[in-house]
Amino acid sequence: MHDALVISQVVLWIAVLALSAIVLALIRQIGVLHERIAPMGALTIDKGPKVGDQSPVFELTDFLPRRPITFGAPRADGRSQLLMFVSATCPVCKKLIPIAKSVAASESRWLDLIFTSDGEPAEQDAFIRRHQLASYPFVLSAELGMTYRVSKLPYAVLVDGAGVVRGKGLVNTREHLESIVAAKQMNVASIQDYLTTAHAHRETSAELSNGERGAKHHG
């Protein structure tokens, strides 16, 4: 009886160790898969001012308080501006508005959020009140959309404190919007550019490493 109990305990521990090894292997494979699947960043439309260009400067007026707002100029406080193109008739915009607020709140130490649209003032007034945008600058400007060649909404443009375009693109999800902010913080044009560069660097490193091993082998 005692021998049977010992044997069962040994078999149990072997099974536990085998399962642990399987779990570790699966975790490793998930990590490899995650590395291979690039995050979906904002869809950059290569029209209008490009990332890295100096932004055109716009002298605008906030819709409700009727106060002046300057967008795109170098700022003495060094704060960046995130311009969100939205519309009262865009269903995705309505979903992105609380996300934009959340992102702006989490990055409030360096980022100011501005909403922009065009259309009838009465419609925009109702839109602002419905989505509680009165505490954010909201400007009506067809010129902004034409300058940045915005053809689809919601669209975002990030300009840094020096007035340089640091990110832009179509933003349909939180991931899209956060990718623009992350690209600025990582000092890259876009997350896709960063991943492409990193992948090329890994491939170059692997080729050099293989070449060194081959040279040692022949030596």
N, C-alpha and C. Protein backbone atom coordinates (compact mmCIF):
# COMPACT_ATOMS: atom_id res chain seq x y z
N MET A 1 0.82 -1.20 0.00
CA MET A 1 0.00 0.00 0.00
C MET A 1 0.86 1.25 0.00
N HIS A 2 1.91 1.22 0.85
CA HIS A 2 2.82 2.36 0.94
C HIS A 2 3.55 2.57 -0.37
N ASP A 3 3.99 1.46 -0.99
CA ASP A 3 4.69 1.55 -2.28
C ASP A 3 3.79 2.14 -3.36
N ALA A 4 2.53 1.75 -3.37
CA ALA A 4 1.59 2.27 -4.37
C ALA A 4 1.39 3.78 -4.20
N LEU A 5 1.34 4.23 -2.95
CA LEU A 5 1.17 5.66 -2.68
C LEU A 5 2.39 6.45 -3.16
N VAL A 6 3.56 5.91 -2.89
CA VAL A 6 4.79 6.58 -3.34
C VAL A 6 4.84 6.67 -4.86
N ILE A 7 4.49 5.56 -5.50
CA ILE A 7 4.50 5.53 -6.97
C ILE A 7 3.51 6.55 -7.54
N SER A 8 2.30 6.64 -6.92
CA SER A 8 1.30 7.58 -7.41
C SER A 8 1.78 9.03 -7.25
N GLN A 9 2.48 9.31 -6.13
CA GLN A 9 3.01 10.65 -5.92
C GLN A 9 4.09 10.99 -6.95
N VAL A 10 4.94 10.02 -7.25
CA VAL A 10 5.99 10.23 -8.26
C VAL A 10 5.36 10.50 -9.62
N VAL A 11 4.35 9.69 -9.98
CA VAL A 11 3.68 9.87 -11.27
C VAL A 11 3.01 11.24 -11.32
N LEU A 12 2.41 11.66 -10.19
CA LEU A 12 1.74 12.96 -10.13
C LEU A 12 2.74 14.10 -10.35
N TRP A 13 3.88 14.01 -9.70
CA TRP A 13 4.90 15.07 -9.86
C TRP A 13 5.46 15.10 -11.29
N ILE A 14 5.61 13.91 -11.86
CA ILE A 14 6.06 13.87 -13.27
C ILE A 14 5.05 14.55 -14.18
N ALA A 15 3.77 14.29 -13.91
CA ALA A 15 2.72 14.92 -14.72
C ALA A 15 2.72 16.44 -14.53
N VAL A 16 2.91 16.88 -13.28
CA VAL A 16 2.95 18.33 -13.00
C VAL A 16 4.12 18.98 -13.73
N LEU A 17 5.29 18.35 -13.67
CA LEU A 17 6.46 18.89 -14.35
C LEU A 17 6.27 18.93 -15.87
N ALA A 18 5.65 17.88 -16.39
CA ALA A 18 5.41 17.83 -17.83
C ALA A 18 4.44 18.95 -18.25
N LEU A 19 3.39 19.15 -17.45
CA LEU A 19 2.43 20.21 -17.75
C LEU A 19 3.09 21.59 -17.64
N SER A 20 3.97 21.75 -16.66
CA SER A 20 4.68 23.03 -16.50
C SER A 20 5.53 23.32 -17.73
N ALA A 21 6.22 22.27 -18.21
CA ALA A 21 7.05 22.44 -19.40
C ALA A 21 6.20 22.82 -20.61
N ILE A 22 5.02 22.20 -20.73
CA ILE A 22 4.13 22.51 -21.84
C ILE A 22 3.65 23.95 -21.76
N VAL A 23 3.28 24.39 -20.54
CA VAL A 23 2.80 25.77 -20.35
C VAL A 23 3.89 26.77 -20.70
N LEU A 24 5.11 26.50 -20.26
CA LEU A 24 6.23 27.40 -20.57
C LEU A 24 6.47 27.47 -22.07
N ALA A 25 6.37 26.32 -22.74
CA ALA A 25 6.56 26.31 -24.20
C ALA A 25 5.46 27.12 -24.89
N LEU A 26 4.23 26.99 -24.40
CA LEU A 26 3.13 27.75 -24.99
C LEU A 26 3.31 29.25 -24.76
N ILE A 27 3.76 29.63 -23.56
CA ILE A 27 4.01 31.05 -23.27
C ILE A 27 5.06 31.61 -24.21
N ARG A 28 6.11 30.81 -24.45
CA ARG A 28 7.18 31.25 -25.35
C ARG A 28 6.64 31.44 -26.77
N GLN A 29 5.80 30.50 -27.22
CA GLN A 29 5.25 30.60 -28.56
C GLN A 29 4.30 31.81 -28.69
N ILE A 30 3.54 32.09 -27.63
CA ILE A 30 2.67 33.26 -27.64
C ILE A 30 3.50 34.53 -27.75
N GLY A 31 4.63 34.56 -27.02
CA GLY A 31 5.51 35.72 -27.09
C GLY A 31 6.08 35.91 -28.49
N VAL A 32 6.48 34.82 -29.13
CA VAL A 32 7.00 34.89 -30.49
C VAL A 32 5.92 35.37 -31.45
N LEU A 33 4.70 34.83 -31.28
CA LEU A 33 3.59 35.23 -32.15
C LEU A 33 3.25 36.71 -31.96
N HIS A 34 3.26 37.16 -30.70
CA HIS A 34 2.97 38.57 -30.42
C HIS A 34 4.01 39.48 -31.06
N GLU A 35 5.26 39.02 -31.07
CA GLU A 35 6.34 39.81 -31.66
C GLU A 35 6.19 39.90 -33.17
N ARG A 36 5.69 38.80 -33.77
CA ARG A 36 5.58 38.77 -35.22
C ARG A 36 4.38 39.56 -35.73
N ILE A 37 3.34 39.68 -34.89
CA ILE A 37 2.14 40.39 -35.31
C ILE A 37 2.31 41.86 -34.95
N ALA A 38 2.45 42.70 -35.95
CA ALA A 38 2.64 44.13 -35.70
C ALA A 38 1.34 44.76 -35.25
N PRO A 39 1.40 45.66 -34.25
CA PRO A 39 0.19 46.35 -33.85
C PRO A 39 -0.33 47.23 -34.97
N MET A 40 -1.64 47.34 -35.05
CA MET A 40 -2.26 48.14 -36.10
C MET A 40 -2.28 49.59 -35.68
N GLY A 41 -1.37 50.36 -36.21
CA GLY A 41 -1.33 51.77 -35.88
C GLY A 41 -2.29 52.56 -36.75
N ALA A 42 -2.31 53.86 -36.54
CA ALA A 42 -3.19 54.73 -37.32
C ALA A 42 -2.81 54.64 -38.79
N LEU A 43 -3.82 54.65 -39.65
CA LEU A 43 -3.60 54.60 -41.09
C LEU A 43 -3.19 55.99 -41.57
N THR A 44 -1.92 56.15 -41.88
CA THR A 44 -1.41 57.44 -42.33
C THR A 44 -1.69 57.62 -43.81
N ILE A 45 -2.37 58.70 -44.13
CA ILE A 45 -2.64 59.04 -45.52
C ILE A 45 -1.60 60.07 -45.94
N ASP A 46 -0.76 59.71 -46.88
CA ASP A 46 0.41 60.53 -47.21
C ASP A 46 0.01 61.71 -48.11
N LYS A 47 -0.85 62.56 -47.58
CA LYS A 47 -1.25 63.77 -48.27
C LYS A 47 -1.21 64.91 -47.27
N GLY A 48 -1.06 66.12 -47.78
CA GLY A 48 -0.98 67.25 -46.88
C GLY A 48 0.38 67.29 -46.19
N PRO A 49 0.53 68.10 -45.15
CA PRO A 49 1.80 68.18 -44.42
C PRO A 49 2.22 66.81 -43.90
N LYS A 50 3.47 66.45 -44.13
CA LYS A 50 3.97 65.13 -43.74
C LYS A 50 4.50 65.16 -42.31
N VAL A 51 4.62 63.96 -41.74
CA VAL A 51 5.24 63.83 -40.42
C VAL A 51 6.68 64.31 -40.53
N GLY A 52 7.07 65.20 -39.64
CA GLY A 52 8.41 65.79 -39.68
C GLY A 52 8.41 67.18 -40.29
N ASP A 53 7.32 67.55 -40.99
CA ASP A 53 7.21 68.89 -41.57
C ASP A 53 6.75 69.90 -40.52
N GLN A 54 7.09 71.15 -40.76
CA GLN A 54 6.54 72.21 -39.93
C GLN A 54 5.06 72.37 -40.27
N SER A 55 4.23 72.43 -39.26
CA SER A 55 2.80 72.55 -39.51
C SER A 55 2.44 73.95 -39.98
N PRO A 56 1.49 74.06 -40.90
CA PRO A 56 0.93 75.39 -41.18
C PRO A 56 0.32 75.96 -39.90
N VAL A 57 0.34 77.25 -39.76
CA VAL A 57 -0.21 77.90 -38.57
C VAL A 57 -1.61 78.40 -38.87
N PHE A 58 -2.54 78.10 -37.97
CA PHE A 58 -3.93 78.51 -38.14
C PHE A 58 -4.35 79.38 -36.95
N GLU A 59 -4.91 80.53 -37.25
CA GLU A 59 -5.50 81.37 -36.22
C GLU A 59 -7.00 81.10 -36.23
N LEU A 60 -7.49 80.44 -35.19
CA LEU A 60 -8.85 79.95 -35.15
C LEU A 60 -9.63 80.58 -33.99
N THR A 61 -10.91 80.25 -33.93
CA THR A 61 -11.76 80.75 -32.85
C THR A 61 -12.54 79.59 -32.24
N ASP A 62 -12.44 79.47 -30.92
CA ASP A 62 -13.20 78.44 -30.21
C ASP A 62 -14.70 78.70 -30.42
N PHE A 63 -15.45 77.64 -30.67
CA PHE A 63 -16.85 77.79 -31.07
C PHE A 63 -17.74 78.40 -29.98
N LEU A 64 -17.63 77.88 -28.74
CA LEU A 64 -18.54 78.34 -27.69
C LEU A 64 -18.05 79.58 -26.94
N PRO A 65 -16.82 79.56 -26.37
CA PRO A 65 -16.41 80.76 -25.64
C PRO A 65 -16.00 81.91 -26.57
N ARG A 66 -15.86 81.61 -27.87
CA ARG A 66 -15.43 82.61 -28.86
C ARG A 66 -14.07 83.21 -28.48
N ARG A 67 -13.16 82.36 -28.06
CA ARG A 67 -11.81 82.82 -27.74
C ARG A 67 -10.86 82.40 -28.85
N PRO A 68 -9.78 83.15 -29.07
CA PRO A 68 -8.83 82.80 -30.14
C PRO A 68 -8.00 81.57 -29.78
N ILE A 69 -7.72 80.76 -30.78
CA ILE A 69 -6.88 79.57 -30.62
C ILE A 69 -5.89 79.53 -31.78
N THR A 70 -4.64 79.32 -31.46
CA THR A 70 -3.61 79.16 -32.49
C THR A 70 -3.22 77.69 -32.55
N PHE A 71 -3.28 77.13 -33.74
CA PHE A 71 -2.87 75.73 -33.92
C PHE A 71 -1.69 75.66 -34.89
N GLY A 72 -0.67 74.87 -34.51
CA GLY A 72 0.45 74.59 -35.40
C GLY A 72 1.67 75.46 -35.19
N ALA A 73 1.57 76.49 -34.37
CA ALA A 73 2.72 77.37 -34.15
C ALA A 73 3.57 76.85 -32.99
N PRO A 74 4.87 77.19 -32.98
CA PRO A 74 5.70 76.86 -31.81
C PRO A 74 5.09 77.50 -30.55
N ARG A 75 5.14 76.76 -29.45
CA ARG A 75 4.51 77.23 -28.21
C ARG A 75 5.56 77.44 -27.13
N ALA A 76 5.43 78.53 -26.41
CA ALA A 76 6.41 78.86 -25.37
C ALA A 76 6.42 77.82 -24.27
N ASP A 77 5.27 77.21 -23.98
CA ASP A 77 5.22 76.21 -22.91
C ASP A 77 5.64 74.82 -23.37
N GLY A 78 5.89 74.66 -24.69
CA GLY A 78 6.36 73.38 -25.22
C GLY A 78 5.31 72.29 -25.30
N ARG A 79 4.05 72.61 -25.04
CA ARG A 79 3.00 71.60 -25.05
C ARG A 79 2.61 71.22 -26.49
N SER A 80 2.26 69.96 -26.66
CA SER A 80 1.81 69.47 -27.96
C SER A 80 0.31 69.65 -28.10
N GLN A 81 -0.16 69.61 -29.33
CA GLN A 81 -1.59 69.73 -29.62
C GLN A 81 -2.06 68.52 -30.43
N LEU A 82 -3.13 67.91 -29.95
CA LEU A 82 -3.74 66.78 -30.66
C LEU A 82 -5.05 67.28 -31.26
N LEU A 83 -5.09 67.35 -32.57
CA LEU A 83 -6.27 67.84 -33.29
C LEU A 83 -7.10 66.66 -33.76
N MET A 84 -8.36 66.60 -33.30
CA MET A 84 -9.26 65.51 -33.68
C MET A 84 -10.33 66.03 -34.64
N PHE A 85 -10.31 65.49 -35.86
CA PHE A 85 -11.34 65.82 -36.85
C PHE A 85 -12.54 64.91 -36.63
N VAL A 86 -13.69 65.48 -36.32
CA VAL A 86 -14.90 64.70 -36.04
C VAL A 86 -16.08 65.31 -36.78
N SER A 87 -17.20 64.60 -36.71
CA SER A 87 -18.41 65.08 -37.37
C SER A 87 -19.63 64.59 -36.60
N ALA A 88 -20.67 65.39 -36.60
CA ALA A 88 -21.90 65.02 -35.90
C ALA A 88 -22.59 63.84 -36.58
N THR A 89 -22.27 63.58 -37.84
CA THR A 89 -22.92 62.49 -38.60
C THR A 89 -22.03 61.25 -38.73
N CYS A 90 -20.92 61.23 -37.99
CA CYS A 90 -19.97 60.11 -38.07
C CYS A 90 -20.13 59.20 -36.86
N PRO A 91 -20.64 57.96 -37.05
CA PRO A 91 -20.85 57.06 -35.90
C PRO A 91 -19.55 56.69 -35.19
N VAL A 92 -18.47 56.49 -35.95
CA VAL A 92 -17.19 56.11 -35.33
C VAL A 92 -16.64 57.27 -34.50
N CYS A 93 -16.88 58.49 -34.96
CA CYS A 93 -16.42 59.67 -34.20
C CYS A 93 -17.02 59.67 -32.80
N LYS A 94 -18.30 59.33 -32.73
CA LYS A 94 -18.98 59.33 -31.43
C LYS A 94 -18.35 58.31 -30.49
N LYS A 95 -17.87 57.20 -31.05
CA LYS A 95 -17.20 56.19 -30.24
C LYS A 95 -15.81 56.64 -29.82
N LEU A 96 -15.14 57.41 -30.69
CA LEU A 96 -13.77 57.83 -30.43
C LEU A 96 -13.67 59.02 -29.48
N ILE A 97 -14.72 59.80 -29.37
CA ILE A 97 -14.66 61.01 -28.53
C ILE A 97 -14.28 60.70 -27.08
N PRO A 98 -14.95 59.76 -26.39
CA PRO A 98 -14.53 59.46 -25.01
C PRO A 98 -13.13 58.87 -24.94
N ILE A 99 -12.71 58.15 -25.98
CA ILE A 99 -11.35 57.60 -26.01
C ILE A 99 -10.34 58.74 -26.12
N ALA A 100 -10.63 59.71 -26.99
CA ALA A 100 -9.73 60.86 -27.14
C ALA A 100 -9.63 61.63 -25.82
N LYS A 101 -10.75 61.78 -25.13
CA LYS A 101 -10.73 62.45 -23.83
C LYS A 101 -9.85 61.68 -22.84
N SER A 102 -10.00 60.37 -22.84
CA SER A 102 -9.22 59.53 -21.92
C SER A 102 -7.72 59.63 -22.20
N VAL A 103 -7.36 59.56 -23.48
CA VAL A 103 -5.94 59.66 -23.85
C VAL A 103 -5.40 61.03 -23.45
N ALA A 104 -6.17 62.08 -23.73
CA ALA A 104 -5.72 63.43 -23.38
C ALA A 104 -5.56 63.60 -21.88
N ALA A 105 -6.46 63.00 -21.11
CA ALA A 105 -6.36 63.09 -19.65
C ALA A 105 -5.12 62.38 -19.12
N SER A 106 -4.81 61.22 -19.70
CA SER A 106 -3.64 60.47 -19.23
C SER A 106 -2.33 61.13 -19.64
N GLU A 107 -2.37 61.96 -20.71
CA GLU A 107 -1.16 62.64 -21.19
C GLU A 107 -1.25 64.15 -20.96
N SER A 108 -2.04 64.56 -19.98
CA SER A 108 -2.35 65.98 -19.79
C SER A 108 -1.13 66.82 -19.41
N ARG A 109 -0.07 66.17 -18.94
CA ARG A 109 1.12 66.94 -18.55
C ARG A 109 1.82 67.58 -19.74
N TRP A 110 1.54 67.08 -20.96
CA TRP A 110 2.23 67.63 -22.14
C TRP A 110 1.33 67.81 -23.37
N LEU A 111 0.06 67.42 -23.26
CA LEU A 111 -0.79 67.37 -24.45
C LEU A 111 -2.09 68.14 -24.25
N ASP A 112 -2.47 68.93 -25.26
CA ASP A 112 -3.75 69.62 -25.30
C ASP A 112 -4.60 69.04 -26.43
N LEU A 113 -5.86 68.78 -26.15
CA LEU A 113 -6.78 68.19 -27.11
C LEU A 113 -7.68 69.26 -27.70
N ILE A 114 -7.79 69.27 -29.04
CA ILE A 114 -8.65 70.20 -29.75
C ILE A 114 -9.53 69.40 -30.71
N PHE A 115 -10.82 69.67 -30.71
CA PHE A 115 -11.73 69.05 -31.66
C PHE A 115 -12.03 70.05 -32.78
N THR A 116 -12.20 69.52 -33.99
CA THR A 116 -12.56 70.39 -35.11
C THR A 116 -13.57 69.70 -36.01
N SER A 117 -14.44 70.51 -36.60
CA SER A 117 -15.46 70.00 -37.50
C SER A 117 -15.87 71.15 -38.41
N ASP A 118 -16.85 70.91 -39.26
CA ASP A 118 -17.45 71.99 -40.04
C ASP A 118 -18.93 71.66 -40.24
N GLY A 119 -19.69 72.64 -40.64
CA GLY A 119 -21.13 72.43 -40.79
C GLY A 119 -21.91 73.56 -40.15
N GLU A 120 -23.19 73.34 -40.03
CA GLU A 120 -24.07 74.36 -39.49
C GLU A 120 -23.81 74.57 -38.00
N PRO A 121 -23.70 75.82 -37.56
CA PRO A 121 -23.43 76.11 -36.14
C PRO A 121 -24.44 75.47 -35.19
N ALA A 122 -25.72 75.47 -35.54
CA ALA A 122 -26.73 74.89 -34.65
C ALA A 122 -26.50 73.39 -34.46
N GLU A 123 -26.14 72.72 -35.54
CA GLU A 123 -25.85 71.28 -35.48
C GLU A 123 -24.62 71.02 -34.63
N GLN A 124 -23.58 71.85 -34.78
CA GLN A 124 -22.36 71.68 -34.00
C GLN A 124 -22.60 71.97 -32.52
N ASP A 125 -23.42 72.96 -32.25
CA ASP A 125 -23.74 73.29 -30.86
C ASP A 125 -24.40 72.11 -30.17
N ALA A 126 -25.35 71.48 -30.84
CA ALA A 126 -26.03 70.31 -30.28
C ALA A 126 -25.06 69.15 -30.10
N PHE A 127 -24.15 68.99 -31.08
CA PHE A 127 -23.14 67.93 -31.03
C PHE A 127 -22.22 68.13 -29.83
N ILE A 128 -21.77 69.35 -29.60
CA ILE A 128 -20.88 69.66 -28.48
C ILE A 128 -21.56 69.37 -27.15
N ARG A 129 -22.80 69.77 -27.02
CA ARG A 129 -23.52 69.57 -25.76
C ARG A 129 -23.85 68.10 -25.54
N ARG A 130 -24.19 67.39 -26.61
CA ARG A 130 -24.55 65.97 -26.48
C ARG A 130 -23.37 65.15 -26.01
N HIS A 131 -22.17 65.49 -26.47
CA HIS A 131 -20.98 64.70 -26.13
C HIS A 131 -20.09 65.38 -25.10
N GLN A 132 -20.62 66.40 -24.46
CA GLN A 132 -19.93 67.08 -23.35
C GLN A 132 -18.52 67.53 -23.75
N LEU A 133 -18.49 68.34 -24.82
CA LEU A 133 -17.21 68.83 -25.34
C LEU A 133 -16.97 70.31 -25.01
N ALA A 134 -17.85 70.89 -24.20
CA ALA A 134 -17.74 72.32 -23.92
C ALA A 134 -16.45 72.68 -23.20
N SER A 135 -15.85 71.73 -22.48
CA SER A 135 -14.62 72.03 -21.75
C SER A 135 -13.36 71.89 -22.61
N TYR A 136 -13.54 71.50 -23.88
CA TYR A 136 -12.42 71.37 -24.81
C TYR A 136 -12.54 72.42 -25.91
N PRO A 137 -11.42 72.91 -26.42
CA PRO A 137 -11.50 73.79 -27.60
C PRO A 137 -12.17 73.05 -28.76
N PHE A 138 -13.09 73.71 -29.42
CA PHE A 138 -13.81 73.12 -30.54
C PHE A 138 -13.91 74.20 -31.62
N VAL A 139 -13.31 73.92 -32.76
CA VAL A 139 -13.27 74.94 -33.81
C VAL A 139 -13.97 74.44 -35.07
N LEU A 140 -14.63 75.36 -35.76
CA LEU A 140 -15.24 75.07 -37.05
C LEU A 140 -14.33 75.62 -38.13
N SER A 141 -13.76 74.71 -38.94
CA SER A 141 -12.81 75.16 -39.95
C SER A 141 -12.73 74.15 -41.08
N ALA A 142 -13.22 74.55 -42.25
CA ALA A 142 -13.05 73.71 -43.44
C ALA A 142 -11.61 73.76 -43.92
N GLU A 143 -10.91 74.87 -43.62
CA GLU A 143 -9.54 75.04 -44.07
C GLU A 143 -8.60 74.01 -43.45
N LEU A 144 -8.82 73.67 -42.18
CA LEU A 144 -7.99 72.65 -41.52
C LEU A 144 -8.08 71.32 -42.26
N GLY A 145 -9.29 70.89 -42.56
CA GLY A 145 -9.47 69.62 -43.25
C GLY A 145 -8.89 69.63 -44.65
N MET A 146 -9.02 70.74 -45.36
CA MET A 146 -8.47 70.82 -46.71
C MET A 146 -6.94 70.84 -46.68
N THR A 147 -6.36 71.53 -45.71
CA THR A 147 -4.89 71.60 -45.62
C THR A 147 -4.29 70.23 -45.33
N TYR A 148 -4.90 69.49 -44.41
CA TYR A 148 -4.38 68.17 -44.06
C TYR A 148 -4.96 67.06 -44.92
N ARG A 149 -5.75 67.44 -45.93
CA ARG A 149 -6.33 66.50 -46.90
C ARG A 149 -7.10 65.37 -46.19
N VAL A 150 -7.94 65.75 -45.27
CA VAL A 150 -8.72 64.78 -44.51
C VAL A 150 -9.92 64.35 -45.35
N SER A 151 -9.95 63.07 -45.71
CA SER A 151 -11.03 62.54 -46.54
C SER A 151 -11.93 61.58 -45.77
N LYS A 152 -11.43 61.06 -44.64
CA LYS A 152 -12.22 60.12 -43.83
C LYS A 152 -12.09 60.51 -42.37
N LEU A 153 -13.13 60.20 -41.61
CA LEU A 153 -13.17 60.53 -40.19
C LEU A 153 -13.38 59.26 -39.37
N PRO A 154 -12.97 59.31 -38.09
CA PRO A 154 -12.23 60.37 -37.39
C PRO A 154 -10.75 60.37 -37.77
N TYR A 155 -10.16 61.54 -37.78
CA TYR A 155 -8.78 61.71 -38.18
C TYR A 155 -8.08 62.53 -37.11
N ALA A 156 -6.81 62.22 -36.87
CA ALA A 156 -6.06 62.92 -35.82
C ALA A 156 -4.74 63.45 -36.36
N VAL A 157 -4.34 64.60 -35.87
CA VAL A 157 -3.04 65.20 -36.19
C VAL A 157 -2.39 65.63 -34.89
N LEU A 158 -1.15 65.21 -34.67
CA LEU A 158 -0.40 65.58 -33.47
C LEU A 158 0.75 66.50 -33.86
N VAL A 159 0.75 67.70 -33.30
CA VAL A 159 1.80 68.69 -33.55
C VAL A 159 2.50 68.97 -32.23
N ASP A 160 3.84 68.92 -32.24
CA ASP A 160 4.56 69.10 -30.98
C ASP A 160 4.73 70.58 -30.64
N GLY A 161 5.42 70.85 -29.52
CA GLY A 161 5.56 72.22 -29.04
C GLY A 161 6.39 73.11 -29.94
N ALA A 162 7.15 72.50 -30.87
CA ALA A 162 7.93 73.28 -31.82
C ALA A 162 7.16 73.55 -33.11
N GLY A 163 5.90 73.06 -33.17
CA GLY A 163 5.09 73.26 -34.36
C GLY A 163 5.35 72.24 -35.46
N VAL A 164 5.96 71.11 -35.11
CA VAL A 164 6.29 70.07 -36.09
C VAL A 164 5.23 68.96 -36.04
N VAL A 165 4.79 68.52 -37.19
CA VAL A 165 3.83 67.41 -37.26
C VAL A 165 4.53 66.13 -36.82
N ARG A 166 4.05 65.54 -35.73
CA ARG A 166 4.70 64.35 -35.18
C ARG A 166 3.90 63.07 -35.41
N GLY A 167 2.68 63.20 -35.86
CA GLY A 167 1.88 62.01 -36.14
C GLY A 167 0.54 62.42 -36.73
N LYS A 168 -0.02 61.56 -37.55
CA LYS A 168 -1.34 61.84 -38.12
C LYS A 168 -1.89 60.55 -38.69
N GLY A 169 -3.20 60.51 -38.87
CA GLY A 169 -3.78 59.33 -39.50
C GLY A 169 -5.24 59.13 -39.14
N LEU A 170 -5.86 58.20 -39.85
CA LEU A 170 -7.23 57.79 -39.59
C LEU A 170 -7.24 56.97 -38.30
N VAL A 171 -8.11 57.32 -37.37
CA VAL A 171 -8.12 56.64 -36.07
C VAL A 171 -9.52 56.08 -35.80
N ASN A 172 -9.66 54.77 -35.97
CA ASN A 172 -10.95 54.13 -35.76
C ASN A 172 -11.05 53.44 -34.40
N THR A 173 -9.92 53.29 -33.70
CA THR A 173 -9.91 52.58 -32.42
C THR A 173 -8.97 53.29 -31.45
N ARG A 174 -9.05 52.88 -30.18
CA ARG A 174 -8.11 53.41 -29.18
C ARG A 174 -6.67 53.10 -29.59
N GLU A 175 -6.44 51.88 -30.12
CA GLU A 175 -5.09 51.49 -30.52
C GLU A 175 -4.54 52.43 -31.58
N HIS A 176 -5.38 52.82 -32.54
CA HIS A 176 -4.94 53.75 -33.58
C HIS A 176 -4.51 55.08 -32.96
N LEU A 177 -5.35 55.61 -32.08
CA LEU A 177 -5.06 56.92 -31.48
C LEU A 177 -3.82 56.85 -30.60
N GLU A 178 -3.72 55.81 -29.79
CA GLU A 178 -2.56 55.68 -28.91
C GLU A 178 -1.27 55.48 -29.69
N SER A 179 -1.37 54.90 -30.90
CA SER A 179 -0.16 54.69 -31.71
C SER A 179 0.45 56.03 -32.14
N ILE A 180 -0.41 57.04 -32.37
CA ILE A 180 0.09 58.36 -32.75
C ILE A 180 0.84 58.99 -31.57
N VAL A 181 0.26 58.87 -30.38
CA VAL A 181 0.91 59.41 -29.17
C VAL A 181 2.21 58.66 -28.89
N ALA A 182 2.17 57.32 -29.03
CA ALA A 182 3.36 56.52 -28.75
C ALA A 182 4.48 56.83 -29.74
N ALA A 183 4.13 57.07 -31.01
CA ALA A 183 5.15 57.39 -32.02
C ALA A 183 5.87 58.68 -31.66
N LYS A 184 5.11 59.67 -31.15
CA LYS A 184 5.73 60.93 -30.75
C LYS A 184 6.66 60.71 -29.57
N GLN A 185 6.21 59.93 -28.59
CA GLN A 185 7.02 59.68 -27.41
C GLN A 185 8.27 58.86 -27.72
N MET A 186 8.19 58.00 -28.76
CA MET A 186 9.33 57.18 -29.17
C MET A 186 10.19 57.90 -30.20
N ASN A 187 9.75 59.09 -30.61
CA ASN A 187 10.50 59.89 -31.59
C ASN A 187 10.66 59.17 -32.92
N VAL A 188 9.56 58.55 -33.38
CA VAL A 188 9.55 57.90 -34.69
C VAL A 188 8.36 58.44 -35.48
N ALA A 189 8.41 58.27 -36.80
CA ALA A 189 7.33 58.79 -37.64
C ALA A 189 6.02 58.06 -37.39
N SER A 190 6.11 56.74 -37.18
CA SER A 190 4.92 55.94 -36.89
C SER A 190 5.36 54.64 -36.26
N ILE A 191 4.41 53.96 -35.62
CA ILE A 191 4.72 52.66 -35.03
C ILE A 191 5.15 51.67 -36.11
N GLN A 192 4.51 51.75 -37.28
CA GLN A 192 4.88 50.84 -38.37
C GLN A 192 6.33 51.06 -38.80
N ASP A 193 6.76 52.33 -38.89
CA ASP A 193 8.14 52.62 -39.26
C ASP A 193 9.10 52.06 -38.22
N TYR A 194 8.73 52.20 -36.95
CA TYR A 194 9.59 51.68 -35.88
C TYR A 194 9.73 50.16 -35.98
N LEU A 195 8.60 49.47 -36.20
CA LEU A 195 8.64 48.01 -36.29
C LEU A 195 9.41 47.55 -37.51
N THR A 196 9.25 48.26 -38.63
CA THR A 196 10.00 47.91 -39.84
C THR A 196 11.50 48.06 -39.62
N THR A 197 11.88 49.17 -38.98
CA THR A 197 13.30 49.41 -38.69
C THR A 197 13.85 48.36 -37.73
N ALA A 198 13.05 48.06 -36.68
CA ALA A 198 13.50 47.07 -35.69
C ALA A 198 13.64 45.69 -36.33
N HIS A 199 12.69 45.33 -37.22
CA HIS A 199 12.76 44.03 -37.89
C HIS A 199 13.99 43.95 -38.79
N ALA A 200 14.26 45.04 -39.52
CA ALA A 200 15.44 45.06 -40.39
C ALA A 200 16.72 44.96 -39.56
N HIS A 201 16.73 45.61 -38.40
CA HIS A 201 17.91 45.55 -37.54
C HIS A 201 18.13 44.13 -37.02
N ARG A 202 17.02 43.45 -36.64
CA ARG A 202 17.15 42.06 -36.16
C ARG A 202 17.67 41.15 -37.27
N GLU A 203 17.16 41.34 -38.49
CA GLU A 203 17.60 40.50 -39.61
C GLU A 203 19.08 40.75 -39.91
N THR A 204 19.51 42.02 -39.85
CA THR A 204 20.92 42.34 -40.10
C THR A 204 21.79 41.72 -39.03
N SER A 205 21.35 41.82 -37.76
CA SER A 205 22.11 41.23 -36.66
C SER A 205 22.22 39.73 -36.81
N ALA A 206 21.10 39.09 -37.23
CA ALA A 206 21.11 37.64 -37.41
C ALA A 206 22.06 37.24 -38.53
N GLU A 207 22.07 37.99 -39.63
CA GLU A 207 22.97 37.70 -40.74
C GLU A 207 24.43 37.85 -40.33
N LEU A 208 24.71 38.91 -39.57
CA LEU A 208 26.09 39.11 -39.11
C LEU A 208 26.51 37.99 -38.17
N SER A 209 25.58 37.60 -37.29
CA SER A 209 25.88 36.53 -36.35
C SER A 209 26.13 35.22 -37.08
N ASN A 210 25.30 34.92 -38.09
CA ASN A 210 25.49 33.69 -38.87
C ASN A 210 26.82 33.75 -39.63
N GLY A 211 27.13 34.94 -40.14
CA GLY A 211 28.41 35.09 -40.86
C GLY A 211 29.60 34.87 -39.96
N GLU A 212 29.52 35.38 -38.72
CA GLU A 212 30.63 35.17 -37.78
C GLU A 212 30.77 33.71 -37.43
N ARG A 213 29.63 33.01 -37.22
CA ARG A 213 29.71 31.59 -36.91
C ARG A 213 30.30 30.81 -38.07
N GLY A 214 29.92 31.22 -39.30
CA GLY A 214 30.46 30.52 -40.47
C GLY A 214 31.94 30.75 -40.62
N ALA A 215 32.41 31.96 -40.31
CA ALA A 215 33.85 32.27 -40.41
C ALA A 215 34.63 31.46 -39.38
N LYS A 216 34.09 31.34 -38.17
CA LYS A 216 34.76 30.56 -37.12
C LYS A 216 34.81 29.11 -37.52
N HIS A 217 33.72 28.61 -38.12
CA HIS A 217 33.67 27.21 -38.51
C HIS A 217 34.74 26.91 -39.58
N HIS A 218 34.85 27.80 -40.57
CA HIS A 218 35.84 27.59 -41.63
C HIS A 218 37.25 27.78 -41.10
N GLY A 219 37.34 28.66 -40.09
CA GLY A 219 38.67 28.88 -39.52
C GLY A 219 39.16 27.66 -38.75
